[in-house]
Amino acid sequence: MQSTSQSWTYRWLSQCLLVLLCCWGSSASFGQKKYDPGASDTEIRIGQTLPYSGPVSMLGNVGKVSSAYLEMINAQGGINGRKIKLISLDDSYSPVKTMEATRRLVENEEVLFLFGSVGTATNQVVHRYLNQKKIPQLLILSGANKWNDPANFPWTLSGMFSYEAEARVYAKHMLAQVKDPKIAVLSQNDEFGRDFMRGLRTALGDKATSMIVGSATYEATDPTVDSQMIMLKATGANVLMSFTNGKFTSQSIRKAAELGWKPQVYVPLGSSSIASILQPAGLDNALGAVTIANQKNPLDPQWRDDPGMKDYKEFMKRWAPALDSNESLNVSGVTLTRLILDVLRQCGDDLTRDNVMKQMLSLKNYSNSLMLPGVSITTGVNDYELYGATRLQRFNGQSWVPFGESFPLR
């Protein structure tokens, strides 16, 4: 009888031990660290391509300020105990160089993902390559509508408003505020310009043919747009939609002033930098221009005592003293870098490319201290449009000043 009791007790203890071992195994597996190339216990490697040289080299400031911000974060211990290494390569805004640099980042540097690369044509040339390799192409600085295609390109997400949605906002404002609008359009002869034109025509509907009285394009390699502006001024238009980039935005504003032409001017958000775009154009020449807004402007007096702006200014003073803290491109660089760092925090110890995308597409009403009140980010697996709403801002000769209510983008 005693032997039977001992045998039962032994079996019971064995079963309990087996259960405990299984639970321990499950727990260990659940807490297991998961890494794809580019991630380890100590480091996360991310990459980007930017035009540090070439016709739009001022956009390279985005990479400079991101690198400075990551240097600060690393000095504070990094993200979840890991240092972030940003490998930022110059592509001169040339698709051929972008392809070469991206292959180097993926195949030699083995980055976890790409982040904040600039340009429509430059991102397009690596679009299929990165998606085939299932490498996240995140928060790219291009608003081309093609980036919102989760069914065919699930690994690509824009960090900007889509150009079509942006153009629709300008058209709605113009229709409400400009009497008898006659529109002249200057646009870049590529997907960038065509997306803006598509959005404008969609918003105008049947009125597009009669309202658009002149249209001209330019190549990114052209020296100037002076001849295009002379032709557009001759149409008698009282609205100029300058769907342009970099120096061409500056040239279009300056040439309009030289011609004595004073239309209501709309410029893309990506071409609204005061230091890089409007100062070369002449600040007085840009007076009254309109663009959209998603972040606080360092030159706007209303944010002088704002805690978020104070933190930004302190960061710039200590970690990026060679860069202009009033430059809107630098605010954009910090805003997007903060966003990608918050995504990495959410990833925890699961630093796989699948999980990076999962966390990137799980944002709900995300905001940070440099974004305008009322502007937030919500992402989902079926819609890659980053922003749901925006505001408009007008240049007063010194700074961009937000006005009016927010515009929905969806």
Protein backbone atom coordinates (compact mmCIF):
# COMPACT_ATOMS: atom_id res chain seq x y z
CA MET A 1 0.00 0.00 0.00
CA GLN A 2 2.85 2.33 0.91
CA SER A 3 4.59 1.45 -2.35
CA THR A 4 1.46 2.35 -4.33
CA SER A 5 1.17 5.68 -2.50
CA GLN A 6 4.82 6.47 -3.16
CA SER A 7 4.39 5.57 -6.83
CA TRP A 8 1.37 7.88 -7.15
CA THR A 9 3.22 10.67 -5.40
CA TYR A 10 6.20 10.22 -7.72
CA ARG A 11 3.97 10.39 -10.82
CA TRP A 12 2.20 13.50 -9.48
CA LEU A 13 5.50 15.25 -8.76
CA SER A 14 6.82 14.29 -12.19
CA GLN A 15 3.73 15.72 -13.89
CA CYS A 16 4.03 18.96 -11.89
CA LEU A 17 7.69 19.24 -12.83
CA LEU A 18 6.82 18.67 -16.49
CA VAL A 19 4.15 21.41 -16.35
CA LEU A 20 6.62 23.81 -14.72
CA LEU A 21 9.26 23.05 -17.33
CA CYS A 22 6.74 23.64 -20.14
CA CYS A 23 5.63 26.94 -18.59
CA TRP A 24 9.25 28.00 -18.16
CA GLY A 25 9.98 27.07 -21.77
CA SER A 26 6.97 29.01 -23.01
CA SER A 27 7.91 32.02 -20.95
CA ALA A 28 11.50 31.92 -22.17
CA SER A 29 10.30 31.62 -25.76
CA PHE A 30 7.84 34.50 -25.29
CA GLY A 31 10.57 36.77 -24.00
CA GLN A 32 13.09 35.72 -26.61
CA LYS A 33 14.84 38.49 -28.52
CA LYS A 34 14.25 38.45 -32.27
CA TYR A 35 16.61 40.11 -34.72
CA ASP A 36 16.82 40.64 -38.45
CA PRO A 37 20.00 41.95 -40.14
CA GLY A 38 20.77 45.41 -38.80
CA ALA A 39 19.77 44.71 -35.19
CA SER A 40 21.58 43.21 -32.21
CA ASP A 41 21.73 43.46 -28.43
CA THR A 42 23.74 46.66 -28.71
CA GLU A 43 22.91 48.37 -32.01
CA ILE A 44 20.22 49.15 -34.59
CA ARG A 45 21.49 50.14 -38.04
CA ILE A 46 19.22 52.21 -40.28
CA GLY A 47 19.98 53.83 -43.64
CA GLN A 48 18.92 56.66 -45.92
CA THR A 49 19.90 58.39 -49.15
CA LEU A 50 19.84 62.17 -49.39
CA PRO A 51 21.01 64.88 -51.83
CA TYR A 52 23.98 66.30 -49.94
CA SER A 53 25.13 67.59 -53.33
CA GLY A 54 23.30 68.54 -56.53
CA PRO A 55 20.39 70.88 -57.37
CA VAL A 56 18.42 70.34 -54.15
CA SER A 57 21.34 69.90 -51.75
CA MET A 58 19.60 72.01 -49.10
CA LEU A 59 17.41 68.95 -48.42
CA GLY A 60 20.49 67.20 -47.08
CA ASN A 61 19.93 69.17 -43.86
CA VAL A 62 17.27 66.59 -42.97
CA GLY A 63 19.98 63.95 -42.66
CA LYS A 64 22.32 66.25 -40.74
CA VAL A 65 19.72 67.09 -38.12
CA SER A 66 18.59 63.46 -37.85
CA SER A 67 22.17 62.38 -37.24
CA ALA A 68 22.57 65.05 -34.55
CA TYR A 69 19.34 63.99 -32.85
CA LEU A 70 20.40 60.34 -32.83
CA GLU A 71 23.77 61.36 -31.37
CA MET A 72 21.87 62.97 -28.48
CA ILE A 73 19.66 59.91 -28.00
CA ASN A 74 22.67 57.59 -28.04
CA ALA A 75 24.38 59.74 -25.41
CA GLN A 76 21.30 59.21 -23.25
CA GLY A 77 21.53 55.42 -23.61
CA GLY A 78 19.83 54.83 -26.96
CA ILE A 79 16.51 53.03 -27.48
CA ASN A 80 15.78 50.06 -25.22
CA GLY A 81 19.49 49.91 -24.43
CA ARG A 82 20.63 49.91 -28.06
CA LYS A 83 22.54 52.64 -29.90
CA ILE A 84 21.09 53.79 -33.23
CA LYS A 85 23.53 54.00 -36.14
CA LEU A 86 22.29 56.05 -39.09
CA ILE A 87 24.19 55.47 -42.33
CA SER A 88 23.25 58.42 -44.56
CA LEU A 89 24.63 58.41 -48.12
CA ASP A 90 24.73 61.15 -50.77
CA ASP A 91 22.80 60.38 -53.95
CA SER A 92 22.95 63.91 -55.48
CA TYR A 93 19.21 63.55 -56.27
CA SER A 94 20.22 61.13 -59.05
CA PRO A 95 18.19 57.89 -59.36
CA VAL A 96 21.25 56.00 -60.63
CA LYS A 97 23.25 57.01 -57.54
CA THR A 98 20.25 56.25 -55.32
CA MET A 99 20.17 52.68 -56.60
CA GLU A 100 23.90 52.25 -56.00
CA ALA A 101 23.71 53.71 -52.49
CA THR A 102 20.62 51.68 -51.56
CA ARG A 103 22.24 48.41 -52.65
CA ARG A 104 25.23 49.30 -50.50
CA LEU A 105 22.99 49.98 -47.50
CA VAL A 106 21.09 46.71 -47.93
CA GLU A 107 23.74 44.30 -49.12
CA ASN A 108 26.92 45.63 -47.49
CA GLU A 109 25.80 47.61 -44.44
CA GLU A 110 22.80 45.29 -43.83
CA VAL A 111 20.55 48.00 -42.38
CA LEU A 112 17.32 46.99 -40.67
CA PHE A 113 15.32 49.47 -42.77
CA LEU A 114 15.55 52.72 -44.74
CA PHE A 115 14.17 55.94 -43.33
CA GLY A 116 13.69 59.53 -44.52
CA SER A 117 15.14 59.26 -48.04
CA VAL A 118 14.33 62.22 -50.31
CA GLY A 119 12.67 62.45 -53.71
CA THR A 120 10.03 60.86 -55.93
CA ALA A 121 12.20 59.64 -58.82
CA THR A 122 14.97 58.62 -56.43
CA ASN A 123 12.67 56.56 -54.21
CA GLN A 124 10.84 55.12 -57.20
CA VAL A 125 13.99 53.54 -58.61
CA VAL A 126 14.45 51.44 -55.43
CA HIS A 127 10.74 50.95 -54.73
CA ARG A 128 10.36 47.46 -56.21
CA TYR A 129 13.82 46.33 -55.11
CA LEU A 130 13.12 47.08 -51.43
CA ASN A 131 9.64 45.56 -51.50
CA GLN A 132 10.89 42.37 -53.13
CA LYS A 133 13.48 42.06 -50.36
CA LYS A 134 10.83 42.97 -47.73
CA ILE A 135 12.86 45.83 -46.33
CA PRO A 136 10.84 48.74 -44.86
CA GLN A 137 11.13 51.98 -46.85
CA LEU A 138 9.76 54.34 -44.20
CA LEU A 139 8.78 58.00 -43.95
CA ILE A 140 10.26 58.88 -47.32
CA LEU A 141 10.30 62.59 -48.12
CA SER A 142 8.06 62.46 -51.14
CA GLY A 143 4.30 62.79 -51.26
CA ALA A 144 3.78 60.81 -54.47
CA ASN A 145 0.44 59.06 -54.43
CA LYS A 146 2.08 55.75 -55.43
CA TRP A 147 3.49 55.29 -51.92
CA ASN A 148 -0.05 54.67 -50.65
CA ASP A 149 -0.35 51.22 -52.24
CA PRO A 150 -0.36 48.62 -49.45
CA ALA A 151 -1.75 45.89 -51.71
CA ASN A 152 1.22 45.96 -54.12
CA PHE A 153 3.98 47.68 -52.12
CA PRO A 154 3.33 46.95 -48.43
CA TRP A 155 6.86 47.87 -47.29
CA THR A 156 6.78 51.54 -48.39
CA LEU A 157 5.28 54.44 -46.40
CA SER A 158 5.55 58.18 -47.07
CA GLY A 159 6.43 60.68 -44.36
CA MET A 160 4.57 63.51 -46.08
CA PHE A 161 1.11 64.53 -47.14
CA SER A 162 0.32 63.05 -50.55
CA TYR A 163 0.78 65.60 -53.33
CA GLU A 164 -2.70 64.95 -54.69
CA ALA A 165 -4.29 65.61 -51.30
CA GLU A 166 -2.13 68.72 -50.83
CA ALA A 167 -3.21 70.15 -54.21
CA ARG A 168 -6.87 69.53 -53.36
CA VAL A 169 -6.47 71.63 -50.20
CA TYR A 170 -5.01 74.54 -52.20
CA ALA A 171 -7.80 74.32 -54.76
CA LYS A 172 -10.50 74.37 -52.07
CA HIS A 173 -8.94 77.40 -50.40
CA MET A 174 -8.57 79.20 -53.73
CA LEU A 175 -12.18 78.57 -54.72
CA ALA A 176 -13.34 80.00 -51.41
CA GLN A 177 -11.02 83.01 -51.28
CA VAL A 178 -10.04 84.14 -54.80
CA LYS A 179 -12.62 85.98 -56.89
CA ASP A 180 -12.87 84.73 -60.49
CA PRO A 181 -9.70 82.62 -60.28
CA LYS A 182 -7.59 82.21 -63.39
CA ILE A 183 -4.87 79.66 -62.66
CA ALA A 184 -1.33 79.39 -64.03
CA VAL A 185 0.53 76.20 -63.13
CA LEU A 186 4.28 75.67 -63.10
CA SER A 187 5.19 72.05 -62.42
CA GLN A 188 8.16 69.70 -62.49
CA ASN A 189 8.01 67.29 -65.43
CA ASP A 190 7.89 64.06 -63.43
CA GLU A 191 5.63 62.15 -61.05
CA PHE A 192 6.00 64.94 -58.48
CA GLY A 193 4.46 67.54 -60.78
CA ARG A 194 1.91 65.18 -62.32
CA ASP A 195 0.52 64.14 -58.91
CA PHE A 196 -0.03 67.79 -58.00
CA MET A 197 -1.74 68.44 -61.32
CA ARG A 198 -3.96 65.40 -60.86
CA GLY A 199 -5.04 66.62 -57.43
CA LEU A 200 -5.75 70.13 -58.75
CA ARG A 201 -7.86 68.88 -61.64
CA THR A 202 -9.75 66.48 -59.39
CA ALA A 203 -10.64 69.29 -57.00
CA LEU A 204 -11.71 71.66 -59.80
CA GLY A 205 -13.76 69.01 -61.62
CA ASP A 206 -15.58 70.38 -64.64
CA LYS A 207 -14.15 73.86 -63.95
CA ALA A 208 -10.56 72.75 -64.56
CA THR A 209 -10.55 73.43 -68.30
CA SER A 210 -11.82 76.98 -67.98
CA MET A 211 -9.96 77.95 -64.79
CA ILE A 212 -6.49 76.70 -65.75
CA VAL A 213 -5.46 79.34 -68.28
CA GLY A 214 -1.78 78.42 -68.52
CA SER A 215 0.48 75.49 -67.76
CA ALA A 216 4.24 75.05 -68.09
CA THR A 217 6.72 72.40 -67.02
CA TYR A 218 10.47 72.26 -66.40
CA GLU A 219 13.12 69.55 -66.05
CA ALA A 220 15.02 69.09 -62.78
CA THR A 221 18.22 69.71 -64.77
CA ASP A 222 17.10 73.06 -66.24
CA PRO A 223 19.12 76.11 -65.15
CA THR A 224 16.10 78.41 -64.69
CA VAL A 225 12.34 78.69 -65.20
CA ASP A 226 12.45 82.31 -66.38
CA SER A 227 11.00 81.61 -69.83
CA GLN A 228 8.16 79.55 -68.35
CA MET A 229 7.28 82.35 -65.94
CA ILE A 230 7.22 84.95 -68.72
CA MET A 231 4.79 82.76 -70.66
CA LEU A 232 2.56 82.15 -67.63
CA LYS A 233 2.42 85.84 -66.71
CA ALA A 234 1.17 86.61 -70.23
CA THR A 235 -1.94 84.48 -69.61
CA GLY A 236 -3.36 87.09 -67.23
CA ALA A 237 -3.67 84.56 -64.40
CA ASN A 238 -4.34 85.83 -60.88
CA VAL A 239 -3.30 82.54 -59.22
CA LEU A 240 0.07 80.77 -59.49
CA MET A 241 0.23 77.14 -58.43
CA SER A 242 4.01 76.69 -58.19
CA PHE A 243 4.26 72.90 -57.97
CA THR A 244 8.03 73.15 -57.85
CA ASN A 245 11.08 72.01 -55.90
CA GLY A 246 14.18 73.64 -54.43
CA LYS A 247 15.74 76.46 -56.44
CA PHE A 248 12.86 76.43 -58.94
CA THR A 249 10.42 77.54 -56.26
CA SER A 250 12.75 80.42 -55.40
CA GLN A 251 13.12 81.33 -59.07
CA SER A 252 9.37 81.27 -59.74
CA ILE A 253 8.62 83.63 -56.84
CA ARG A 254 11.48 85.98 -57.66
CA LYS A 255 10.69 86.09 -61.39
CA ALA A 256 7.02 86.85 -60.76
CA ALA A 257 8.10 89.89 -58.73
CA GLU A 258 10.58 91.01 -61.41
CA LEU A 259 7.75 90.84 -63.98
CA GLY A 260 5.45 92.91 -61.77
CA TRP A 261 3.07 89.96 -61.56
CA LYS A 262 1.24 89.59 -58.25
CA PRO A 263 -0.92 86.44 -58.32
CA GLN A 264 -2.00 84.50 -55.25
CA VAL A 265 0.87 82.01 -54.92
CA TYR A 266 0.61 78.47 -53.58
CA VAL A 267 3.78 76.45 -52.93
CA PRO A 268 4.25 72.86 -51.75
CA LEU A 269 5.03 72.26 -48.11
CA GLY A 270 8.30 70.59 -49.12
CA SER A 271 9.34 73.83 -50.82
CA SER A 272 8.36 76.27 -48.07
CA SER A 273 11.66 76.63 -46.21
CA ILE A 274 12.25 80.26 -45.30
CA ALA A 275 16.04 79.99 -45.17
CA SER A 276 16.54 77.76 -48.21
CA ILE A 277 13.64 78.81 -50.48
CA LEU A 278 12.06 82.14 -49.54
CA GLN A 279 15.18 84.11 -48.64
CA PRO A 280 16.79 83.41 -52.04
CA ALA A 281 13.48 84.39 -53.63
CA GLY A 282 13.31 87.62 -51.59
CA LEU A 283 11.13 87.59 -48.48
CA ASP A 284 9.05 90.55 -49.68
CA ASN A 285 8.41 88.75 -52.98
CA ALA A 286 6.92 85.79 -51.10
CA LEU A 287 4.51 87.91 -49.04
CA GLY A 288 1.04 86.34 -49.00
CA ALA A 289 2.11 82.93 -50.35
CA VAL A 290 0.12 79.98 -48.97
CA THR A 291 1.13 76.43 -48.12
CA ILE A 292 -0.03 73.70 -45.75
CA ALA A 293 1.31 73.06 -42.24
CA ASN A 294 1.73 70.13 -39.89
CA GLN A 295 4.36 71.38 -37.46
CA LYS A 296 5.16 74.45 -35.38
CA ASN A 297 7.19 77.20 -37.03
CA PRO A 298 10.21 78.35 -34.99
CA LEU A 299 9.76 81.89 -36.35
CA ASP A 300 6.13 82.15 -35.27
CA PRO A 301 5.97 84.27 -32.08
CA GLN A 302 3.09 82.23 -30.67
CA TRP A 303 5.48 79.29 -30.04
CA ARG A 304 8.21 81.36 -28.34
CA ASP A 305 7.36 80.02 -24.86
CA ASP A 306 6.07 76.65 -26.00
CA PRO A 307 7.80 73.78 -24.05
CA GLY A 308 8.20 71.66 -27.17
CA MET A 309 9.80 74.53 -29.09
CA LYS A 310 12.09 75.32 -26.16
CA ASP A 311 13.28 71.70 -26.07
CA TYR A 312 13.90 71.80 -29.83
CA LYS A 313 15.88 75.05 -29.62
CA GLU A 314 17.99 73.67 -26.77
CA PHE A 315 18.71 70.52 -28.77
CA MET A 316 19.75 72.55 -31.82
CA LYS A 317 21.99 74.83 -29.75
CA ARG A 318 23.83 71.95 -28.09
CA TRP A 319 23.85 69.16 -30.67
CA ALA A 320 23.50 70.90 -34.07
CA PRO A 321 25.00 74.39 -33.64
CA ALA A 322 26.05 74.61 -37.30
CA LEU A 323 22.43 74.27 -38.46
CA ASP A 324 19.78 77.01 -38.42
CA SER A 325 17.19 76.28 -35.74
CA ASN A 326 14.69 78.50 -37.59
CA GLU A 327 14.92 76.33 -40.72
CA SER A 328 11.67 74.39 -41.15
CA LEU A 329 13.52 71.48 -42.77
CA ASN A 330 15.32 70.94 -39.47
CA VAL A 331 12.02 70.84 -37.58
CA SER A 332 10.81 68.23 -40.08
CA GLY A 333 13.95 66.19 -39.57
CA VAL A 334 13.50 66.17 -35.80
CA THR A 335 9.77 65.39 -36.06
CA LEU A 336 10.31 62.37 -38.33
CA THR A 337 13.28 61.13 -36.31
CA ARG A 338 11.22 61.26 -33.13
CA LEU A 339 8.48 59.29 -34.85
CA ILE A 340 10.82 56.52 -36.03
CA LEU A 341 12.39 56.32 -32.55
CA ASP A 342 8.96 55.93 -30.97
CA VAL A 343 8.24 53.10 -33.42
CA LEU A 344 11.52 51.42 -32.41
CA ARG A 345 10.60 51.78 -28.73
CA GLN A 346 7.34 49.97 -29.43
CA CYS A 347 9.27 47.17 -31.14
CA GLY A 348 10.93 46.25 -27.84
CA ASP A 349 13.21 43.23 -28.34
CA ASP A 350 11.41 42.09 -31.50
CA LEU A 351 13.59 43.93 -33.98
CA THR A 352 12.46 42.17 -37.11
CA ARG A 353 11.40 43.95 -40.28
CA ASP A 354 7.94 42.43 -39.93
CA ASN A 355 7.53 43.92 -36.47
CA VAL A 356 8.90 47.31 -37.51
CA MET A 357 6.13 47.48 -40.14
CA LYS A 358 3.54 46.19 -37.66
CA GLN A 359 4.39 48.96 -35.17
CA MET A 360 4.60 51.60 -37.90
CA LEU A 361 1.09 50.67 -39.03
CA SER A 362 -0.38 50.65 -35.52
CA LEU A 363 -0.18 54.35 -34.68
CA LYS A 364 -3.35 55.87 -33.21
CA ASN A 365 -3.69 59.66 -32.99
CA TYR A 366 0.08 59.96 -32.63
CA SER A 367 1.49 63.43 -32.04
CA ASN A 368 4.60 65.00 -30.56
CA SER A 369 5.51 68.39 -29.16
CA LEU A 370 6.55 69.88 -32.52
CA MET A 371 3.34 69.03 -34.37
CA LEU A 372 0.56 71.61 -34.62
CA PRO A 373 -2.48 71.23 -32.36
CA GLY A 374 -5.18 69.30 -34.21
CA VAL A 375 -2.69 67.48 -36.46
CA SER A 376 -2.10 63.82 -35.68
CA ILE A 377 -1.03 60.56 -37.29
CA THR A 378 -3.08 57.38 -37.53
CA THR A 379 -1.91 54.44 -39.62
CA GLY A 380 -3.47 51.16 -40.68
CA VAL A 381 -2.72 48.18 -42.87
CA ASN A 382 -5.20 49.26 -45.55
CA ASP A 383 -4.39 52.99 -45.80
CA TYR A 384 -0.86 54.38 -45.82
CA GLU A 385 -1.84 58.08 -45.86
CA LEU A 386 0.10 59.28 -42.81
CA TYR A 387 -1.87 62.43 -41.95
CA GLY A 388 -5.63 62.66 -41.70
CA ALA A 389 -5.86 66.46 -41.63
CA THR A 390 -3.75 69.57 -42.13
CA ARG A 391 -3.88 73.32 -41.66
CA LEU A 392 -3.02 76.19 -43.98
CA GLN A 393 -0.39 78.84 -43.34
CA ARG A 394 0.40 82.19 -44.99
CA PHE A 395 3.77 83.94 -45.25
CA ASN A 396 3.71 87.39 -43.63
CA GLY A 397 7.12 88.55 -44.85
CA GLN A 398 8.99 87.06 -41.89
CA SER A 399 7.37 83.75 -40.97
CA TRP A 400 4.61 81.30 -41.86
CA VAL A 401 1.47 81.92 -39.81
CA PRO A 402 -1.20 79.17 -39.52
CA PHE A 403 -4.78 80.29 -40.14
CA GLY A 404 -8.28 78.87 -40.41
CA GLU A 405 -9.61 75.46 -39.46
CA SER A 406 -7.99 72.14 -40.29
CA PHE A 407 -8.62 70.56 -43.70
CA PRO A 408 -9.37 66.82 -43.86
CA LEU A 409 -7.11 64.95 -46.29
CA ARG A 410 -9.12 61.74 -46.56
